[in-house]
PDB file of all heavy atoms in Angstrom:
ATOM      1  N   TYR A   1     118.172 120.240  72.616  1.00  0.00           N
ATOM      2  CA  TYR A   1     119.061 119.074  72.768  1.00  0.00           C
ATOM      3  C   TYR A   1     118.285 117.787  73.072  1.00  0.00           C
ATOM      4  O   TYR A   1     118.721 116.956  73.853  1.00  0.00           O
ATOM      5  CB  TYR A   1     120.072 119.323  73.875  1.00  0.00           C
ATOM      6  CG  TYR A   1     120.757 120.683  73.713  1.00  0.00           C
ATOM      7  CD1 TYR A   1     120.683 121.629  74.755  1.00  0.00           C
ATOM      8  CD2 TYR A   1     121.481 120.993  72.563  1.00  0.00           C
ATOM      9  CE1 TYR A   1     121.313 122.847  74.615  1.00  0.00           C
ATOM     10  CE2 TYR A   1     122.080 122.228  72.429  1.00  0.00           C
ATOM     11  CZ  TYR A   1     121.993 123.147  73.437  1.00  0.00           C
ATOM     12  OH  TYR A   1     122.599 124.386  73.307  1.00  0.00           O
ATOM     13  N   ASN A   2     117.142 117.615  72.446  1.00  0.00           N
ATOM     14  CA  ASN A   2     116.446 116.326  72.611  1.00  0.00           C
ATOM     15  C   ASN A   2     117.334 115.223  72.019  1.00  0.00           C
ATOM     16  O   ASN A   2     117.345 114.097  72.552  1.00  0.00           O
ATOM     17  CB  ASN A   2     115.088 116.314  71.883  1.00  0.00           C
ATOM     18  CG  ASN A   2     114.345 115.050  72.128  1.00  0.00           C
ATOM     19  OD1 ASN A   2     114.018 114.720  73.265  1.00  0.00           O
ATOM     20  ND2 ASN A   2     114.105 114.284  71.062  1.00  0.00           N
ATOM     21  N   ASN A   3     118.074 115.519  70.981  1.00  0.00           N
ATOM     22  CA  ASN A   3     119.176 114.689  70.524  1.00  0.00           C
ATOM     23  C   ASN A   3     120.435 115.371  71.011  1.00  0.00           C
ATOM     24  O   ASN A   3     120.826 116.455  70.498  1.00  0.00           O
ATOM     25  CB  ASN A   3     119.167 114.589  69.004  1.00  0.00           C
ATOM     26  CG  ASN A   3     120.429 113.963  68.424  1.00  0.00           C
ATOM     27  OD1 ASN A   3     121.351 113.649  69.152  1.00  0.00           O
ATOM     28  ND2 ASN A   3     120.467 113.811  67.113  1.00  0.00           N
ATOM     29  N   PRO A   4     121.120 114.844  72.020  1.00  0.00           N
ATOM     30  CA  PRO A   4     122.241 115.556  72.624  1.00  0.00           C
ATOM     31  C   PRO A   4     123.594 115.266  72.024  1.00  0.00           C
ATOM     32  O   PRO A   4     124.626 115.558  72.613  1.00  0.00           O
ATOM     33  CB  PRO A   4     122.181 115.071  74.085  1.00  0.00           C
ATOM     34  CG  PRO A   4     121.718 113.647  73.960  1.00  0.00           C
ATOM     35  CD  PRO A   4     120.776 113.647  72.768  1.00  0.00           C
ATOM     36  N   ALA A   5     123.647 114.701  70.782  1.00  0.00           N
ATOM     37  CA  ALA A   5     124.888 114.282  70.215  1.00  0.00           C
ATOM     38  C   ALA A   5     125.867 115.421  69.992  1.00  0.00           C
ATOM     39  O   ALA A   5     127.022 115.348  70.352  1.00  0.00           O
ATOM     40  CB  ALA A   5     124.638 113.550  68.876  1.00  0.00           C
ATOM     41  N   PHE A   6     125.414 116.516  69.376  1.00  0.00           N
ATOM     42  CA  PHE A   6     126.318 117.623  69.101  1.00  0.00           C
ATOM     43  C   PHE A   6     126.695 118.340  70.383  1.00  0.00           C
ATOM     44  O   PHE A   6     127.802 118.823  70.559  1.00  0.00           O
ATOM     45  CB  PHE A   6     125.641 118.596  68.128  1.00  0.00           C
ATOM     46  CG  PHE A   6     126.608 119.597  67.489  1.00  0.00           C
ATOM     47  CD1 PHE A   6     127.689 119.133  66.744  1.00  0.00           C
ATOM     48  CD2 PHE A   6     126.486 120.954  67.720  1.00  0.00           C
ATOM     49  CE1 PHE A   6     128.579 120.035  66.218  1.00  0.00           C
ATOM     50  CE2 PHE A   6     127.364 121.826  67.182  1.00  0.00           C
ATOM     51  CZ  PHE A   6     128.410 121.397  66.413  1.00  0.00           C
ATOM     52  N   LEU A   7     125.748 118.366  71.327  1.00  0.00           N
ATOM     53  CA  LEU A   7     126.009 119.009  72.632  1.00  0.00           C
ATOM     54  C   LEU A   7     127.118 118.224  73.397  1.00  0.00           C
ATOM     55  O   LEU A   7     128.048 118.852  73.908  1.00  0.00           O
ATOM     56  CB  LEU A   7     124.748 119.015  73.486  1.00  0.00           C
ATOM     57  CG  LEU A   7     124.881 119.458  74.920  1.00  0.00           C
ATOM     58  CD1 LEU A   7     125.269 120.935  74.995  1.00  0.00           C
ATOM     59  CD2 LEU A   7     123.601 119.223  75.709  1.00  0.00           C
ATOM     60  N   ILE A   8     127.032 116.930  73.441  1.00  0.00           N
ATOM     61  CA  ILE A   8     128.033 116.171  74.224  1.00  0.00           C
ATOM     62  C   ILE A   8     129.398 116.262  73.559  1.00  0.00           C
ATOM     63  O   ILE A   8     130.443 116.281  74.239  1.00  0.00           O
ATOM     64  CB  ILE A   8     127.588 114.700  74.397  1.00  0.00           C
ATOM     65  CG1 ILE A   8     128.394 114.019  75.528  1.00  0.00           C
ATOM     66  CG2 ILE A   8     127.682 113.914  73.155  1.00  0.00           C
ATOM     67  CD1 ILE A   8     127.899 112.654  75.918  1.00  0.00           C
ATOM     68  N   ALA A   9     129.422 116.337  72.221  1.00  0.00           N
ATOM     69  CA  ALA A   9     130.672 116.489  71.516  1.00  0.00           C
ATOM     70  C   ALA A   9     131.307 117.834  71.863  1.00  0.00           C
ATOM     71  O   ALA A   9     132.519 117.971  72.081  1.00  0.00           O
ATOM     72  CB  ALA A   9     130.473 116.380  70.023  1.00  0.00           C
ATOM     73  N   ARG A  10     130.481 118.879  71.928  1.00  0.00           N
ATOM     74  CA  ARG A  10     130.960 120.207  72.296  1.00  0.00           C
ATOM     75  C   ARG A  10     131.462 120.251  73.735  1.00  0.00           C
ATOM     76  O   ARG A  10     132.522 120.821  74.030  1.00  0.00           O
ATOM     77  CB  ARG A  10     129.791 121.197  72.089  1.00  0.00           C
ATOM     78  CG  ARG A  10     130.189 122.646  72.217  1.00  0.00           C
ATOM     79  CD  ARG A  10     128.987 123.525  71.887  1.00  0.00           C
ATOM     80  NE  ARG A  10     127.984 123.552  72.939  1.00  0.00           N
ATOM     81  CZ  ARG A  10     126.703 123.742  72.730  1.00  0.00           C
ATOM     82  NH1 ARG A  10     126.230 123.878  71.509  1.00  0.00           N
ATOM     83  NH2 ARG A  10     125.861 123.793  73.769  1.00  0.00           N
ATOM     84  N   MET A  11     130.731 119.603  74.620  1.00  0.00           N
ATOM     85  CA  MET A  11     131.101 119.668  76.043  1.00  0.00           C
ATOM     86  C   MET A  11     132.355 118.849  76.307  1.00  0.00           C
ATOM     87  O   MET A  11     133.059 119.048  77.312  1.00  0.00           O
ATOM     88  CB  MET A  11     129.958 119.165  76.885  1.00  0.00           C
ATOM     89  CG  MET A  11     128.752 120.119  76.884  1.00  0.00           C
ATOM     90  SD  MET A  11     127.351 119.595  77.915  1.00  0.00           S
ATOM     91  CE  MET A  11     128.082 119.811  79.562  1.00  0.00           C
ATOM     92  N   ALA A  12     132.642 117.886  75.406  1.00  0.00           N
ATOM     93  CA  ALA A  12     133.813 117.070  75.627  1.00  0.00           C
ATOM     94  C   ALA A  12     135.093 117.716  75.112  1.00  0.00           C
ATOM     95  O   ALA A  12     136.196 117.393  75.512  1.00  0.00           O
ATOM     96  CB  ALA A  12     133.636 115.704  74.904  1.00  0.00           C
ATOM     97  N   THR A  13     134.904 118.665  74.132  1.00  0.00           N
ATOM     98  CA  THR A  13     136.088 119.174  73.434  1.00  0.00           C
ATOM     99  C   THR A  13     136.387 120.669  73.652  1.00  0.00           C
ATOM    100  O   THR A  13     137.543 121.048  73.587  1.00  0.00           O
ATOM    101  CB  THR A  13     135.943 118.916  71.916  1.00  0.00           C
ATOM    102  OG1 THR A  13     134.768 119.546  71.422  1.00  0.00           O
ATOM    103  CG2 THR A  13     135.848 117.431  71.648  1.00  0.00           C
ATOM    104  N   HIS A  14     135.378 121.474  73.845  1.00  0.00           N
ATOM    105  CA  HIS A  14     135.627 122.913  73.920  1.00  0.00           C
ATOM    106  C   HIS A  14     136.228 123.255  75.272  1.00  0.00           C
ATOM    107  O   HIS A  14     135.755 122.786  76.336  1.00  0.00           O
ATOM    108  CB  HIS A  14     134.305 123.715  73.729  1.00  0.00           C
ATOM    109  CG  HIS A  14     134.558 125.150  73.459  1.00  0.00           C
ATOM    110  ND1 HIS A  14     134.883 126.074  74.475  1.00  0.00           N
ATOM    111  CD2 HIS A  14     134.573 125.850  72.295  1.00  0.00           C
ATOM    112  CE1 HIS A  14     135.075 127.250  73.929  1.00  0.00           C
ATOM    113  NE2 HIS A  14     134.884 127.156  72.612  1.00  0.00           N
ATOM    114  N   PRO A  15     137.253 124.074  75.296  1.00  0.00           N
ATOM    115  CA  PRO A  15     137.976 124.410  76.540  1.00  0.00           C
ATOM    116  C   PRO A  15     137.089 125.008  77.619  1.00  0.00           C
ATOM    117  O   PRO A  15     137.353 124.828  78.821  1.00  0.00           O
ATOM    118  CB  PRO A  15     139.030 125.433  76.090  1.00  0.00           C
ATOM    119  CG  PRO A  15     139.249 125.132  74.651  1.00  0.00           C
ATOM    120  CD  PRO A  15     137.954 124.676  74.113  1.00  0.00           C
ATOM    121  N   ALA A  16     135.976 125.629  77.248  1.00  0.00           N
ATOM    122  CA  ALA A  16     135.109 126.276  78.221  1.00  0.00           C
ATOM    123  C   ALA A  16     134.520 125.247  79.214  1.00  0.00           C
ATOM    124  O   ALA A  16     134.227 125.553  80.353  1.00  0.00           O
ATOM    125  CB  ALA A  16     133.966 127.021  77.537  1.00  0.00           C
ATOM    126  N   TYR A  17     134.395 124.003  78.742  1.00  0.00           N
ATOM    127  CA  TYR A  17     133.812 122.939  79.591  1.00  0.00           C
ATOM    128  C   TYR A  17     134.883 122.192  80.402  1.00  0.00           C
ATOM    129  O   TYR A  17     134.585 121.293  81.153  1.00  0.00           O
ATOM    130  CB  TYR A  17     133.002 121.948  78.753  1.00  0.00           C
ATOM    131  CG  TYR A  17     131.810 122.599  78.093  1.00  0.00           C
ATOM    132  CD1 TYR A  17     131.907 123.038  76.743  1.00  0.00           C
ATOM    133  CD2 TYR A  17     130.627 122.823  78.758  1.00  0.00           C
ATOM    134  CE1 TYR A  17     130.794 123.656  76.131  1.00  0.00           C
ATOM    135  CE2 TYR A  17     129.540 123.410  78.117  1.00  0.00           C
ATOM    136  CZ  TYR A  17     129.611 123.837  76.838  1.00  0.00           C
ATOM    137  OH  TYR A  17     128.557 124.408  76.214  1.00  0.00           O
ATOM    138  N   LYS A  18     136.136 122.526  80.127  1.00  0.00           N
ATOM    139  CA  LYS A  18     137.266 122.076  80.972  1.00  0.00           C
ATOM    140  C   LYS A  18     137.586 120.573  80.866  1.00  0.00           C
ATOM    141  O   LYS A  18     138.162 120.001  81.815  1.00  0.00           O
ATOM    142  CB  LYS A  18     137.106 122.513  82.396  1.00  0.00           C
ATOM    143  CG  LYS A  18     137.005 124.021  82.530  1.00  0.00           C
ATOM    144  CD  LYS A  18     136.916 124.477  83.977  1.00  0.00           C
ATOM    145  CE  LYS A  18     136.835 126.001  84.053  1.00  0.00           C
ATOM    146  NZ  LYS A  18     136.754 126.497  85.453  1.00  0.00           N
ATOM    147  N   LEU A  19     137.185 119.970  79.773  1.00  0.00           N
ATOM    148  CA  LEU A  19     137.661 118.580  79.442  1.00  0.00           C
ATOM    149  C   LEU A  19     138.725 118.675  78.378  1.00  0.00           C
ATOM    150  O   LEU A  19     139.796 118.060  78.479  1.00  0.00           O
ATOM    151  CB  LEU A  19     136.530 117.714  79.005  1.00  0.00           C
ATOM    152  CG  LEU A  19     135.737 116.949  80.067  1.00  0.00           C
ATOM    153  CD1 LEU A  19     134.662 116.103  79.409  1.00  0.00           C
ATOM    154  CD2 LEU A  19     136.647 116.076  80.955  1.00  0.00           C
ATOM    155  N   SER A  20     138.409 119.410  77.333  1.00  0.00           N
ATOM    156  CA  SER A  20     139.352 119.713  76.206  1.00  0.00           C
ATOM    157  C   SER A  20     139.917 118.448  75.594  1.00  0.00           C
ATOM    158  O   SER A  20     141.121 118.373  75.297  1.00  0.00           O
ATOM    159  CB  SER A  20     140.490 120.605  76.741  1.00  0.00           C
ATOM    160  OG  SER A  20     139.999 121.829  77.207  1.00  0.00           O
ATOM    161  N   TRP A  21     139.037 117.448  75.393  1.00  0.00           N
ATOM    162  CA  TRP A  21     139.533 116.238  74.724  1.00  0.00           C
ATOM    163  C   TRP A  21     139.878 116.576  73.258  1.00  0.00           C
ATOM    164  O   TRP A  21     139.181 117.381  72.623  1.00  0.00           O
ATOM    165  CB  TRP A  21     138.485 115.148  74.760  1.00  0.00           C
ATOM    166  CG  TRP A  21     138.327 114.545  76.122  1.00  0.00           C
ATOM    167  CD1 TRP A  21     139.148 114.719  77.198  1.00  0.00           C
ATOM    168  CD2 TRP A  21     137.270 113.697  76.547  1.00  0.00           C
ATOM    169  NE1 TRP A  21     138.689 113.965  78.250  1.00  0.00           N
ATOM    170  CE2 TRP A  21     137.542 113.345  77.926  1.00  0.00           C
ATOM    171  CE3 TRP A  21     136.152 113.153  75.930  1.00  0.00           C
ATOM    172  CZ2 TRP A  21     136.705 112.505  78.646  1.00  0.00           C
ATOM    173  CZ3 TRP A  21     135.306 112.311  76.662  1.00  0.00           C
ATOM    174  CH2 TRP A  21     135.596 111.984  78.026  1.00  0.00           C
ATOM    175  N   PRO A  22     140.978 115.987  72.731  1.00  0.00           N
ATOM    176  CA  PRO A  22     141.367 116.300  71.362  1.00  0.00           C
ATOM    177  C   PRO A  22     140.313 115.879  70.322  1.00  0.00           C
ATOM    178  O   PRO A  22     139.598 114.895  70.519  1.00  0.00           O
ATOM    179  CB  PRO A  22     142.634 115.433  71.181  1.00  0.00           C
ATOM    180  CG  PRO A  22     143.113 115.153  72.546  1.00  0.00           C
ATOM    181  CD  PRO A  22     141.881 115.065  73.409  1.00  0.00           C
ATOM    182  N   THR A  23     140.215 116.667  69.257  1.00  0.00           N
ATOM    183  CA  THR A  23     139.318 116.358  68.194  1.00  0.00           C
ATOM    184  C   THR A  23     140.052 115.681  67.049  1.00  0.00           C
ATOM    185  O   THR A  23     141.286 115.665  67.001  1.00  0.00           O
ATOM    186  CB  THR A  23     138.649 117.641  67.673  1.00  0.00           C
ATOM    187  OG1 THR A  23     139.657 118.522  67.171  1.00  0.00           O
ATOM    188  CG2 THR A  23     137.852 118.324  68.728  1.00  0.00           C
ATOM    189  N   GLY A  24     139.295 115.115  66.156  1.00  0.00           N
ATOM    190  CA  GLY A  24     139.899 114.398  65.021  1.00  0.00           C
ATOM    191  C   GLY A  24     139.178 113.080  64.768  1.00  0.00           C
ATOM    192  O   GLY A  24     138.608 112.467  65.686  1.00  0.00           O
ATOM    193  N   GLU A  25     139.178 112.648  63.529  1.00  0.00           N
ATOM    194  CA  GLU A  25     138.460 111.460  63.159  1.00  0.00           C
ATOM    195  C   GLU A  25     138.970 110.173  63.840  1.00  0.00           C
ATOM    196  O   GLU A  25     138.243 109.207  64.031  1.00  0.00           O
ATOM    197  CB  GLU A  25     138.545 111.247  61.648  1.00  0.00           C
ATOM    198  CG  GLU A  25     137.789 112.349  60.872  1.00  0.00           C
ATOM    199  CD  GLU A  25     138.047 112.247  59.388  1.00  0.00           C
ATOM    200  OE1 GLU A  25     138.427 111.179  58.899  1.00  0.00           O
ATOM    201  OE2 GLU A  25     137.846 113.274  58.707  1.00  0.00           O
ATOM    202  N   LYS A  26     140.261 110.186  64.251  1.00  0.00           N
ATOM    203  CA  LYS A  26     140.848 109.046  64.913  1.00  0.00           C
ATOM    204  C   LYS A  26     141.021 109.278  66.417  1.00  0.00           C
ATOM    205  O   LYS A  26     141.623 108.435  67.075  1.00  0.00           O
ATOM    206  CB  LYS A  26     142.203 108.737  64.270  1.00  0.00           C
ATOM    207  CG  LYS A  26     142.074 108.400  62.776  1.00  0.00           C
ATOM    208  CD  LYS A  26     143.415 108.151  62.140  1.00  0.00           C
ATOM    209  CE  LYS A  26     143.251 107.858  60.630  1.00  0.00           C
ATOM    210  NZ  LYS A  26     144.542 107.608  59.959  1.00  0.00           N
ATOM    211  N   LYS A  27     140.514 110.409  66.900  1.00  0.00           N
ATOM    212  CA  LYS A  27     140.658 110.708  68.322  1.00  0.00           C
ATOM    213  C   LYS A  27     139.351 110.805  69.044  1.00  0.00           C
ATOM    214  O   LYS A  27     139.311 110.739  70.270  1.00  0.00           O
ATOM    215  CB  LYS A  27     141.425 112.048  68.473  1.00  0.00           C
ATOM    216  CG  LYS A  27     142.864 111.966  67.975  1.00  0.00           C
ATOM    217  CD  LYS A  27     143.556 113.298  68.174  1.00  0.00           C
ATOM    218  CE  LYS A  27     144.999 113.268  67.706  1.00  0.00           C
ATOM    219  NZ  LYS A  27     145.698 114.533  67.898  1.00  0.00           N
ATOM    220  N   LEU A  28     138.241 110.973  68.326  1.00  0.00           N
ATOM    221  CA  LEU A  28     136.951 111.147  68.955  1.00  0.00           C
ATOM    222  C   LEU A  28     135.857 110.402  68.147  1.00  0.00           C
ATOM    223  O   LEU A  28     135.705 110.657  66.943  1.00  0.00           O
ATOM    224  CB  LEU A  28     136.613 112.628  69.094  1.00  0.00           C
ATOM    225  CG  LEU A  28     135.386 112.989  70.000  1.00  0.00           C
ATOM    226  CD1 LEU A  28     135.741 112.660  71.444  1.00  0.00           C
ATOM    227  CD2 LEU A  28     135.004 114.444  69.859  1.00  0.00           C
ATOM    228  N   LEU A  29     135.104 109.536  68.819  1.00  0.00           N
ATOM    229  CA  LEU A  29     134.016 108.795  68.217  1.00  0.00           C
ATOM    230  C   LEU A  29     132.713 109.209  68.891  1.00  0.00           C
ATOM    231  O   LEU A  29     132.619 109.159  70.112  1.00  0.00           O
ATOM    232  CB  LEU A  29     134.240 107.304  68.341  1.00  0.00           C
ATOM    233  CG  LEU A  29     133.095 106.386  67.870  1.00  0.00           C
ATOM    234  CD1 LEU A  29     132.921 106.476  66.369  1.00  0.00           C
ATOM    235  CD2 LEU A  29     133.379 104.942  68.308  1.00  0.00           C
ATOM    236  N   VAL A  30     131.750 109.607  68.097  1.00  0.00           N
ATOM    237  CA  VAL A  30     130.419 109.964  68.610  1.00  0.00           C
ATOM    238  C   VAL A  30     129.389 109.034  68.000  1.00  0.00           C
ATOM    239  O   VAL A  30     129.225 108.999  66.812  1.00  0.00           O
ATOM    240  CB  VAL A  30     130.055 111.428  68.306  1.00  0.00           C
ATOM    241  CG1 VAL A  30     128.681 111.787  68.893  1.00  0.00           C
ATOM    242  CG2 VAL A  30     131.113 112.389  68.829  1.00  0.00           C
ATOM    243  N   MET A  31     128.681 108.292  68.888  1.00  0.00           N
ATOM    244  CA  MET A  31     127.637 107.400  68.418  1.00  0.00           C
ATOM    245  C   MET A  31     126.288 107.889  69.035  1.00  0.00           C
ATOM    246  O   MET A  31     126.247 108.192  70.219  1.00  0.00           O
ATOM    247  CB  MET A  31     127.913 105.958  68.799  1.00  0.00           C
ATOM    248  CG  MET A  31     129.279 105.490  68.322  1.00  0.00           C
ATOM    249  SD  MET A  31     129.501 103.677  68.380  1.00  0.00           S
ATOM    250  CE  MET A  31     128.846 103.180  66.782  1.00  0.00           C
ATOM    251  N   SER A  32     125.279 107.974  68.184  1.00  0.00           N
ATOM    252  CA  SER A  32     124.022 108.581  68.569  1.00  0.00           C
ATOM    253  C   SER A  32     122.874 107.624  68.230  1.00  0.00           C
ATOM    254  O   SER A  32     122.807 107.044  67.171  1.00  0.00           O
ATOM    255  CB  SER A  32     123.841 109.923  67.793  1.00  0.00           C
ATOM    256  OG  SER A  32     122.541 110.428  68.006  1.00  0.00           O
ATOM    257  N   VAL A  33     121.941 107.473  69.226  1.00  0.00           N
ATOM    258  CA  VAL A  33     120.829 106.534  69.017  1.00  0.00           C
ATOM    259  C   VAL A  33     119.542 107.254  69.302  1.00  0.00           C
ATOM    260  O   VAL A  33     119.341 107.900  70.375  1.00  0.00           O
ATOM    261  CB  VAL A  33     120.960 105.299  69.960  1.00  0.00           C
ATOM    262  CG1 VAL A  33     119.851 104.307  69.632  1.00  0.00           C
ATOM    263  CG2 VAL A  33     122.299 104.684  69.872  1.00  0.00           C
ATOM    264  N   GLY A  34     118.602 107.171  68.321  1.00  0.00           N
ATOM    265  CA  GLY A  34     117.317 107.808  68.459  1.00  0.00           C
ATOM    266  C   GLY A  34     116.234 106.861  68.964  1.00  0.00           C
ATOM    267  O   GLY A  34     116.436 105.655  69.101  1.00  0.00           O
ATOM    268  N   THR A  35     115.062 107.417  69.207  1.00  0.00           N
ATOM    269  CA  THR A  35     113.921 106.635  69.697  1.00  0.00           C
ATOM    270  C   THR A  35     112.890 106.432  68.582  1.00  0.00           C
ATOM    271  O   THR A  35     111.763 105.981  68.849  1.00  0.00           O
ATOM    272  CB  THR A  35     113.226 107.350  70.852  1.00  0.00           C
ATOM    273  OG1 THR A  35     112.798 108.650  70.451  1.00  0.00           O
ATOM    274  CG2 THR A  35     114.152 107.500  72.057  1.00  0.00           C
ATOM    275  N   GLY A  36     113.279 106.760  67.361  1.00  0.00           N
ATOM    276  CA  GLY A  36     112.368 106.613  66.215  1.00  0.00           C
ATOM    277  C   GLY A  36     111.781 107.968  65.865  1.00  0.00           C
ATOM    278  O   GLY A  36     111.343 108.704  66.739  1.00  0.00           O
ATOM    279  N   SER A  37     111.837 108.320  64.573  1.00  0.00           N
ATOM    280  CA  SER A  37     111.250 109.578  64.160  1.00  0.00           C
ATOM    281  C   SER A  37     109.953 109.321  63.425  1.00  0.00           C
ATOM    282  O   SER A  37     109.776 108.318  62.777  1.00  0.00           O
ATOM    283  CB  SER A  37     112.250 110.282  63.205  1.00  0.00           C
ATOM    284  OG  SER A  37     112.479 109.514  62.023  1.00  0.00           O
TER     285      SER A  37
END
């Protein structure tokens, strides 16, 4: 998870993490910024 984008999306939405935010293109926005590859 050096790039934590997919991890944070999972932790925000999957019931196991107990946030359970709704998914969908108009319900969840994920913006990711790198340090240069």
